[in-house]
Amino acid sequence: MKADQFHELYQDLQRYVGWTEDDARRVRSVAPVVAPHLGPLIEDFYAEIQRHPQTLKVIIGGEAQIARLKQTLRRWVEELLAAECDRDYVWRRWKIGWRHVEIGLPQVYTNSALSRLRTGLVRILSEHSGLGSEELTLTVESLGRLLDLDLAIIEDAYQAEYLARQERIRRLATIGELAGGVAHELRNPLGIIRNAVYFLRLTQQELTEDARDAFDELERALGTCNRLACELLDYVREPKLEETNFSIADAVTEALGTLEVSESIELDRETVEQGLRCRADRGHVVLIIGNLLRNAIEAMPSGGRVAVSASRAGDGVVVQVEDTGPGIDPTVLDKIFEPLFSRKAKGIGLGLAVSRRYAELNHGRLEVESEPGHGATFRLTLPSPEHGESGKGQS
């Protein structure tokens, strides 16, 4: 299991840097000293982040997202000072590196951020701990070892995930070229078959119930084939971005128009805020929402509830699709946006990969939360019109 492997690695690194229980004791002893001063330290941390375009670009949720990140950083520092370096602690640290690859944050900024935190923590200890010179020096050294261990495991995750993604990109580029050619060649015969089915249905004077069912099944199968071919082409072609300001409610309506929703599915769109607009490529957003709704519906073949909502969130807007299906196994949750990964018996696993690609192309983000047995929630965050070019491309 991954978490166990990383914990073994972390323990080996502890031995390498000479981490001892005395180090842990020293760090724990100053946690009460640091606690009252965490607020200013965290405020300084995020004030600096907002001065740098490379770090600021990954924060598109405005003040609301920054407020959540501040709470996350507080928990991170509190866990650090507790110095309980167990399996779960190490796994959470490793996930930080993985997350940085996912959002496209260069690892050098993590190194610099930890350096800034280290400086702030040492300053707090120097000014407020009341420790003698020798004990203060030992405590600062212990804290430094712990921070270096955190950085090492985060960097290991970053490098491992980055290299794995680069290898997948190279492999998929070759597959994509072949698949794109096949998909392009398939569309013509699929169109011919569709026209032939339409002609045969139209020219028959009377159709038995079995014949009507057969024609219906043919048309559904052709629709599936055409959608898969389109997914392949969407993935391999270089997308073009045509930004406009448009209504989220209209985009949801358009996306729903591309789907077949059975009577067993309860669809709730009451919480799509009317008048809410975003700035993005409308076609891309409709495709993303359509993919998310289709996945939610297909996750519940026996029926269930799908709720789509849209609201303002900080400097952006959030479209959320939530279902009451079986949820997603935690072991594959990190993989569902990868090309060719699919949990379904049918499909080629490109819908979510294309969706995330288009979300990022539109300066947005696509994320998922799920717990087995409790459905899944996908969140698409996009820029609001106020943060694009005003007055351009109204629709």
Protein backbone atom coordinates (compact mmCIF):
# COMPACT_ATOMS: atom_id res chain seq x y z
CA MET A 1 0.00 0.00 0.00
CA LYS A 2 1.33 3.42 -0.92
CA ALA A 3 0.93 5.00 2.52
CA ASP A 4 2.93 2.20 4.15
CA GLN A 5 5.71 2.53 1.58
CA PHE A 6 6.02 6.26 2.12
CA HIS A 7 6.04 5.82 5.88
CA GLU A 8 8.95 3.37 5.54
CA LEU A 9 10.77 5.89 3.35
CA TYR A 10 10.10 8.64 5.89
CA GLN A 11 11.45 6.50 8.72
CA ASP A 12 14.59 5.83 6.70
CA LEU A 13 15.01 9.59 6.14
CA GLN A 14 14.56 10.16 9.88
CA ARG A 15 17.47 7.85 10.54
CA TYR A 16 19.48 9.55 7.84
CA VAL A 17 19.13 13.04 9.41
CA GLY A 18 19.49 11.71 12.94
CA TRP A 19 15.97 12.44 14.12
CA THR A 20 15.44 11.26 17.71
CA GLU A 21 12.75 11.28 20.37
CA ASP A 22 14.61 14.21 21.97
CA ASP A 23 13.96 16.18 18.76
CA ALA A 24 10.27 15.30 18.94
CA ARG A 25 10.13 16.29 22.63
CA ARG A 26 11.73 19.69 21.94
CA VAL A 27 9.35 20.46 19.07
CA ARG A 28 6.29 19.45 21.11
CA SER A 29 7.42 21.57 24.05
CA VAL A 30 7.28 24.81 22.04
CA ALA A 31 3.89 24.17 20.41
CA PRO A 32 2.08 26.22 23.12
CA VAL A 33 4.55 29.06 22.55
CA VAL A 34 3.90 29.16 18.79
CA ALA A 35 0.10 28.72 18.93
CA PRO A 36 -0.82 32.33 19.91
CA HIS A 37 1.33 33.69 17.07
CA LEU A 38 0.12 31.46 14.24
CA GLY A 39 -2.41 34.01 12.98
CA PRO A 40 0.16 36.68 11.94
CA LEU A 41 2.46 33.98 10.55
CA ILE A 42 -0.28 32.61 8.31
CA GLU A 43 -1.41 36.08 7.22
CA ASP A 44 2.17 36.87 6.17
CA PHE A 45 2.41 33.57 4.30
CA TYR A 46 -0.64 34.24 2.10
CA ALA A 47 0.10 37.93 1.69
CA GLU A 48 3.38 36.91 0.08
CA ILE A 49 1.71 34.30 -2.12
CA GLN A 50 -0.58 36.95 -3.57
CA ARG A 51 2.41 39.01 -4.68
CA HIS A 52 3.64 36.33 -7.10
CA PRO A 53 1.81 35.48 -10.36
CA GLN A 54 3.02 31.86 -10.43
CA THR A 55 1.47 31.10 -7.04
CA LEU A 56 -1.51 33.42 -7.34
CA LYS A 57 -2.67 31.80 -10.60
CA VAL A 58 -3.62 28.57 -8.79
CA ILE A 59 -5.93 30.48 -6.44
CA ILE A 60 -9.01 31.22 -8.51
CA GLY A 61 -11.58 30.92 -5.72
CA GLY A 62 -10.80 34.37 -4.32
CA GLU A 63 -11.00 35.21 -0.64
CA ALA A 64 -13.16 32.18 0.15
CA GLN A 65 -10.48 29.82 -1.13
CA ILE A 66 -7.72 31.72 0.67
CA ALA A 67 -9.71 31.48 3.92
CA ARG A 68 -9.92 27.69 3.49
CA LEU A 69 -6.22 27.47 2.68
CA LYS A 70 -5.36 29.45 5.80
CA GLN A 71 -7.22 26.91 7.91
CA THR A 72 -5.38 24.10 6.09
CA LEU A 73 -2.02 25.76 6.79
CA ARG A 74 -2.91 26.20 10.45
CA ARG A 75 -3.68 22.47 10.75
CA TRP A 76 -0.44 21.68 8.91
CA VAL A 77 1.66 23.71 11.37
CA GLU A 78 -0.22 22.27 14.36
CA GLU A 79 0.44 18.74 13.08
CA LEU A 80 4.07 19.65 12.51
CA LEU A 81 4.52 20.85 16.09
CA ALA A 82 2.75 17.77 17.47
CA ALA A 83 5.64 15.79 15.91
CA GLU A 84 3.56 12.59 15.69
CA CYS A 85 5.12 11.34 12.47
CA ASP A 86 2.92 8.32 11.96
CA ARG A 87 1.70 6.72 8.74
CA ASP A 88 -1.24 9.10 8.21
CA TYR A 89 0.95 12.15 8.89
CA VAL A 90 3.43 11.08 6.20
CA TRP A 91 0.64 10.25 3.71
CA ARG A 92 -0.88 13.72 4.12
CA ARG A 93 2.53 15.29 3.47
CA TRP A 94 3.04 13.16 0.36
CA LYS A 95 -0.36 14.22 -0.95
CA ILE A 96 0.75 17.86 -0.82
CA GLY A 97 3.42 17.16 -3.44
CA TRP A 98 0.95 15.21 -5.56
CA ARG A 99 -1.52 18.09 -5.35
CA HIS A 100 1.09 20.60 -6.50
CA VAL A 101 1.63 18.60 -9.69
CA GLU A 102 -2.12 18.42 -10.21
CA ILE A 103 -2.64 22.20 -10.00
CA GLY A 104 0.55 23.03 -11.89
CA LEU A 105 2.44 24.77 -9.06
CA PRO A 106 6.23 24.68 -9.56
CA GLN A 107 7.91 22.88 -6.67
CA VAL A 108 10.43 25.70 -6.16
CA TYR A 109 7.63 27.75 -4.61
CA THR A 110 7.03 25.05 -2.01
CA ASN A 111 10.72 25.17 -1.09
CA SER A 112 10.59 28.95 -0.79
CA ALA A 113 7.34 28.85 1.18
CA LEU A 114 8.79 26.41 3.72
CA SER A 115 11.84 28.65 4.04
CA ARG A 116 9.57 31.58 4.84
CA LEU A 117 7.66 29.52 7.41
CA ARG A 118 10.92 28.33 8.96
CA THR A 119 12.10 31.93 9.34
CA GLY A 120 8.81 32.95 10.93
CA LEU A 121 8.78 30.02 13.38
CA VAL A 122 12.39 30.64 14.44
CA ARG A 123 11.58 34.31 15.01
CA ILE A 124 8.63 33.38 17.24
CA LEU A 125 10.80 31.01 19.27
CA SER A 126 13.57 33.58 19.61
CA GLU A 127 11.20 36.28 20.81
CA HIS A 128 8.72 34.32 22.96
CA SER A 129 10.05 30.91 24.04
CA GLY A 130 12.15 32.12 26.97
CA LEU A 131 14.61 29.29 26.28
CA GLY A 132 18.27 29.64 27.11
CA SER A 133 20.73 30.03 24.27
CA GLU A 134 21.81 26.38 24.18
CA GLU A 135 18.29 24.92 24.43
CA LEU A 136 16.98 27.42 21.85
CA THR A 137 19.71 26.35 19.42
CA LEU A 138 18.86 22.66 19.93
CA THR A 139 15.12 23.34 19.50
CA VAL A 140 15.67 25.32 16.30
CA GLU A 141 17.83 22.48 14.95
CA SER A 142 15.12 19.92 15.80
CA LEU A 143 12.46 22.04 14.10
CA GLY A 144 14.73 22.40 11.08
CA ARG A 145 15.14 18.63 10.80
CA LEU A 146 11.38 18.14 10.93
CA LEU A 147 10.77 20.77 8.25
CA ASP A 148 13.49 19.23 6.08
CA LEU A 149 11.83 15.82 6.44
CA ASP A 150 8.48 17.32 5.40
CA LEU A 151 10.09 18.96 2.40
CA ALA A 152 11.86 15.73 1.42
CA ILE A 153 8.66 13.67 1.36
CA ILE A 154 6.77 16.43 -0.49
CA GLU A 155 9.54 16.66 -3.08
CA ASP A 156 9.59 12.87 -3.49
CA ALA A 157 5.87 12.92 -4.23
CA TYR A 158 6.25 15.84 -6.61
CA GLN A 159 9.07 14.26 -8.58
CA ALA A 160 7.47 10.81 -8.70
CA GLU A 161 4.11 12.14 -9.85
CA TYR A 162 5.64 14.61 -12.30
CA LEU A 163 7.80 11.94 -13.96
CA ALA A 164 4.87 9.51 -14.07
CA ARG A 165 2.68 12.12 -15.73
CA GLN A 166 5.36 12.98 -18.28
CA GLU A 167 5.68 9.30 -19.18
CA ARG A 168 1.90 8.99 -19.50
CA ILE A 169 1.83 12.08 -21.70
CA ARG A 170 4.48 10.65 -24.03
CA ARG A 171 2.72 7.30 -24.22
CA LEU A 172 -0.70 8.82 -24.74
CA ALA A 173 0.58 11.18 -27.42
CA THR A 174 1.42 8.18 -29.58
CA ILE A 175 -1.86 6.44 -28.76
CA GLY A 176 -3.72 9.69 -29.33
CA GLU A 177 -2.37 10.17 -32.83
CA LEU A 178 -3.49 6.69 -33.80
CA ALA A 179 -6.85 6.96 -32.04
CA GLY A 180 -7.53 10.38 -33.52
CA GLY A 181 -6.97 9.02 -37.02
CA VAL A 182 -9.25 6.06 -36.38
CA ALA A 183 -11.95 8.29 -34.88
CA HIS A 184 -11.80 10.64 -37.85
CA GLU A 185 -12.14 7.78 -40.32
CA LEU A 186 -15.03 6.25 -38.33
CA ARG A 187 -17.23 9.33 -38.44
CA ASN A 188 -17.98 9.03 -42.17
CA PRO A 189 -19.22 5.39 -42.07
CA LEU A 190 -21.13 6.12 -38.86
CA GLY A 191 -22.89 8.98 -40.64
CA ILE A 192 -23.74 6.70 -43.56
CA ILE A 193 -25.16 4.05 -41.22
CA ARG A 194 -27.21 6.68 -39.35
CA ASN A 195 -28.68 8.00 -42.61
CA ALA A 196 -29.46 4.45 -43.75
CA VAL A 197 -31.26 3.67 -40.48
CA TYR A 198 -33.27 6.90 -40.79
CA PHE A 199 -34.17 6.08 -44.43
CA LEU A 200 -35.21 2.50 -43.65
CA ARG A 201 -37.39 3.59 -40.74
CA LEU A 202 -39.00 6.30 -42.86
CA THR A 203 -39.78 4.07 -45.85
CA GLN A 204 -41.41 1.25 -43.92
CA GLN A 205 -45.19 1.44 -44.09
CA GLU A 206 -45.76 -0.39 -40.85
CA LEU A 207 -43.26 -1.47 -38.25
CA THR A 208 -43.76 -4.22 -35.75
CA GLU A 209 -42.94 -3.42 -32.14
CA ASP A 210 -39.82 -5.58 -32.40
CA ALA A 211 -38.68 -3.67 -35.50
CA ARG A 212 -39.22 -0.29 -33.78
CA ASP A 213 -37.23 -1.53 -30.79
CA ALA A 214 -34.45 -2.68 -33.12
CA PHE A 215 -34.32 0.72 -34.85
CA ASP A 216 -34.26 2.48 -31.47
CA GLU A 217 -31.41 0.26 -30.30
CA LEU A 218 -29.50 0.94 -33.51
CA GLU A 219 -29.86 4.71 -33.06
CA ARG A 220 -28.74 4.54 -29.44
CA ALA A 221 -25.70 2.46 -30.40
CA LEU A 222 -24.83 4.88 -33.18
CA GLY A 223 -25.14 7.77 -30.76
CA THR A 224 -22.74 6.05 -28.38
CA CYS A 225 -20.24 5.35 -31.18
CA ASN A 226 -20.41 8.92 -32.37
CA ARG A 227 -19.89 10.26 -28.84
CA LEU A 228 -16.85 8.05 -28.33
CA ALA A 229 -15.38 9.20 -31.65
CA CYS A 230 -15.99 12.81 -30.61
CA GLU A 231 -14.29 12.19 -27.25
CA LEU A 232 -11.23 10.86 -29.03
CA LEU A 233 -11.11 13.81 -31.38
CA ASP A 234 -11.68 16.29 -28.54
CA TYR A 235 -8.76 14.77 -26.66
CA VAL A 236 -6.21 14.66 -29.49
CA ARG A 237 -6.97 17.91 -31.28
CA GLU A 238 -5.48 21.19 -30.10
CA PRO A 239 -8.45 23.04 -28.57
CA LYS A 240 -9.18 26.63 -29.50
CA LEU A 241 -10.36 29.07 -26.87
CA GLU A 242 -13.13 31.55 -27.72
CA GLU A 243 -14.03 33.36 -24.52
CA THR A 244 -17.43 34.99 -24.06
CA ASN A 245 -19.52 36.16 -21.13
CA PHE A 246 -22.56 33.88 -20.85
CA SER A 247 -25.24 32.64 -18.49
CA ILE A 248 -24.41 29.54 -16.47
CA ALA A 249 -28.12 28.62 -16.35
CA ASP A 250 -28.25 28.66 -20.17
CA ALA A 251 -25.14 26.46 -20.37
CA VAL A 252 -26.73 23.93 -17.99
CA THR A 253 -29.91 23.89 -20.10
CA GLU A 254 -27.89 23.34 -23.26
CA ALA A 255 -25.90 20.51 -21.64
CA LEU A 256 -29.10 18.81 -20.47
CA GLY A 257 -30.43 18.97 -24.01
CA THR A 258 -27.68 16.60 -25.13
CA LEU A 259 -28.67 13.89 -22.64
CA GLU A 260 -31.33 11.23 -22.26
CA VAL A 261 -32.59 11.31 -18.68
CA SER A 262 -34.68 8.29 -17.69
CA GLU A 263 -37.73 8.55 -15.45
CA SER A 264 -35.80 6.79 -12.68
CA ILE A 265 -33.48 9.81 -12.33
CA GLU A 266 -34.64 12.75 -10.21
CA LEU A 267 -33.00 15.86 -11.61
CA ASP A 268 -32.70 18.94 -9.39
CA ARG A 269 -31.46 22.20 -10.90
CA GLU A 270 -33.31 24.60 -8.62
CA THR A 271 -30.10 25.94 -7.09
CA VAL A 272 -28.62 27.19 -10.37
CA GLU A 273 -28.42 30.87 -9.50
CA GLN A 274 -30.24 32.89 -12.13
CA GLY A 275 -28.33 35.77 -13.68
CA LEU A 276 -24.99 34.18 -12.80
CA ARG A 277 -22.48 34.53 -15.62
CA CYS A 278 -18.93 33.41 -16.25
CA ARG A 279 -16.21 34.20 -18.76
CA ALA A 280 -15.02 31.16 -20.67
CA ASP A 281 -15.50 29.24 -23.90
CA ARG A 282 -19.20 28.39 -23.85
CA GLY A 283 -18.80 25.23 -25.94
CA HIS A 284 -16.15 23.92 -23.58
CA VAL A 285 -18.27 24.60 -20.50
CA VAL A 286 -21.33 22.94 -22.04
CA LEU A 287 -19.20 19.89 -22.87
CA ILE A 288 -17.82 19.71 -19.31
CA ILE A 289 -21.24 20.04 -17.66
CA GLY A 290 -22.68 17.49 -20.09
CA ASN A 291 -19.90 15.01 -19.27
CA LEU A 292 -20.41 15.46 -15.53
CA LEU A 293 -24.17 15.01 -15.78
CA ARG A 294 -23.81 11.97 -18.03
CA ASN A 295 -21.35 10.35 -15.61
CA ALA A 296 -23.70 11.02 -12.70
CA ILE A 297 -26.65 9.49 -14.54
CA GLU A 298 -24.66 6.45 -15.71
CA ALA A 299 -23.43 5.88 -12.14
CA MET A 300 -27.04 5.18 -11.13
CA PRO A 301 -28.50 2.63 -13.58
CA SER A 302 -31.24 1.76 -11.08
CA GLY A 303 -32.15 5.40 -10.52
CA GLY A 304 -31.25 8.12 -8.08
CA ARG A 305 -30.93 11.88 -7.71
CA VAL A 306 -28.69 14.29 -9.59
CA ALA A 307 -28.42 17.86 -8.34
CA VAL A 308 -26.74 20.56 -10.40
CA SER A 309 -26.10 23.93 -8.80
CA ALA A 310 -24.19 27.11 -9.61
CA SER A 311 -23.17 29.93 -7.31
CA ARG A 312 -20.64 32.68 -6.89
CA ALA A 313 -17.47 31.78 -4.97
CA GLY A 314 -14.92 34.50 -4.32
CA ASP A 315 -13.56 35.76 -7.63
CA GLY A 316 -15.14 32.94 -9.62
CA VAL A 317 -18.25 30.87 -10.11
CA VAL A 318 -18.73 27.22 -9.16
CA VAL A 319 -20.88 24.69 -11.01
CA GLN A 320 -21.49 21.59 -8.91
CA VAL A 321 -22.90 18.22 -10.01
CA GLU A 322 -23.80 15.85 -7.19
CA ASP A 323 -25.24 12.34 -7.41
CA THR A 324 -26.53 9.72 -4.99
CA GLY A 325 -24.72 6.85 -6.68
CA PRO A 326 -22.29 4.34 -5.16
CA GLY A 327 -19.45 6.84 -4.86
CA ILE A 328 -15.83 6.38 -5.91
CA ASP A 329 -13.34 4.05 -4.27
CA PRO A 330 -10.60 6.14 -2.55
CA THR A 331 -7.93 3.98 -4.23
CA VAL A 332 -8.96 5.27 -7.69
CA LEU A 333 -10.13 8.76 -6.78
CA ASP A 334 -6.77 10.24 -7.83
CA LYS A 335 -6.92 8.48 -11.21
CA ILE A 336 -10.34 9.33 -12.56
CA PHE A 337 -9.11 12.37 -14.49
CA GLU A 338 -6.37 10.37 -16.20
CA PRO A 339 -6.85 9.55 -19.91
CA LEU A 340 -8.09 6.03 -20.65
CA PHE A 341 -9.03 5.36 -17.03
CA SER A 342 -12.66 4.26 -16.71
CA ARG A 343 -14.76 2.61 -14.01
CA LYS A 344 -17.54 1.82 -16.47
CA ALA A 345 -18.03 -1.32 -18.53
CA LYS A 346 -18.62 0.91 -21.56
CA GLY A 347 -16.56 3.93 -22.58
CA ILE A 348 -12.90 4.68 -23.15
CA GLY A 349 -12.16 6.89 -20.17
CA LEU A 350 -11.63 10.22 -21.91
CA GLY A 351 -14.68 12.23 -20.81
CA LEU A 352 -13.24 13.43 -17.49
CA ALA A 353 -9.73 13.83 -18.94
CA VAL A 354 -11.09 16.12 -21.66
CA SER A 355 -13.25 17.94 -19.11
CA ARG A 356 -10.33 18.74 -16.80
CA ARG A 357 -8.20 19.77 -19.79
CA TYR A 358 -10.89 22.20 -20.95
CA ALA A 359 -11.43 23.50 -17.40
CA GLU A 360 -7.74 24.35 -17.06
CA LEU A 361 -7.62 25.85 -20.56
CA ASN A 362 -10.38 28.22 -19.43
CA HIS A 363 -8.35 29.25 -16.34
CA GLY A 364 -10.56 27.08 -14.16
CA ARG A 365 -10.40 23.93 -12.12
CA LEU A 366 -12.30 20.63 -11.96
CA GLU A 367 -12.27 18.69 -8.68
CA VAL A 368 -14.09 15.74 -7.14
CA GLU A 369 -15.08 14.63 -3.67
CA SER A 370 -16.55 11.23 -2.93
CA GLU A 371 -17.11 8.72 -0.19
CA PRO A 372 -18.06 5.12 -1.04
CA GLY A 373 -21.78 4.64 -0.59
CA HIS A 374 -22.50 8.37 -0.47
CA GLY A 375 -22.30 9.47 -4.10
CA ALA A 376 -19.86 11.85 -5.76
CA THR A 377 -19.63 15.63 -6.10
CA PHE A 378 -17.81 17.31 -8.99
CA ARG A 379 -17.01 21.03 -8.79
CA LEU A 380 -16.14 23.14 -11.81
CA THR A 381 -14.68 26.53 -10.88
CA LEU A 382 -14.49 29.21 -13.59
CA PRO A 383 -13.58 32.91 -13.73
CA SER A 384 -16.39 35.43 -13.37
CA PRO A 385 -16.83 38.08 -16.10
CA GLU A 386 -15.38 40.73 -13.76
CA HIS A 387 -12.02 39.00 -14.01
CA GLY A 388 -11.93 38.75 -17.80
CA GLU A 389 -11.98 41.41 -20.46
CA SER A 390 -15.07 43.50 -19.83
CA GLY A 391 -17.50 44.22 -22.59
CA LYS A 392 -16.11 41.59 -24.98
CA GLY A 393 -18.02 38.72 -26.51
CA GLN A 394 -21.36 39.15 -24.74
CA SER A 395 -23.82 36.39 -25.58
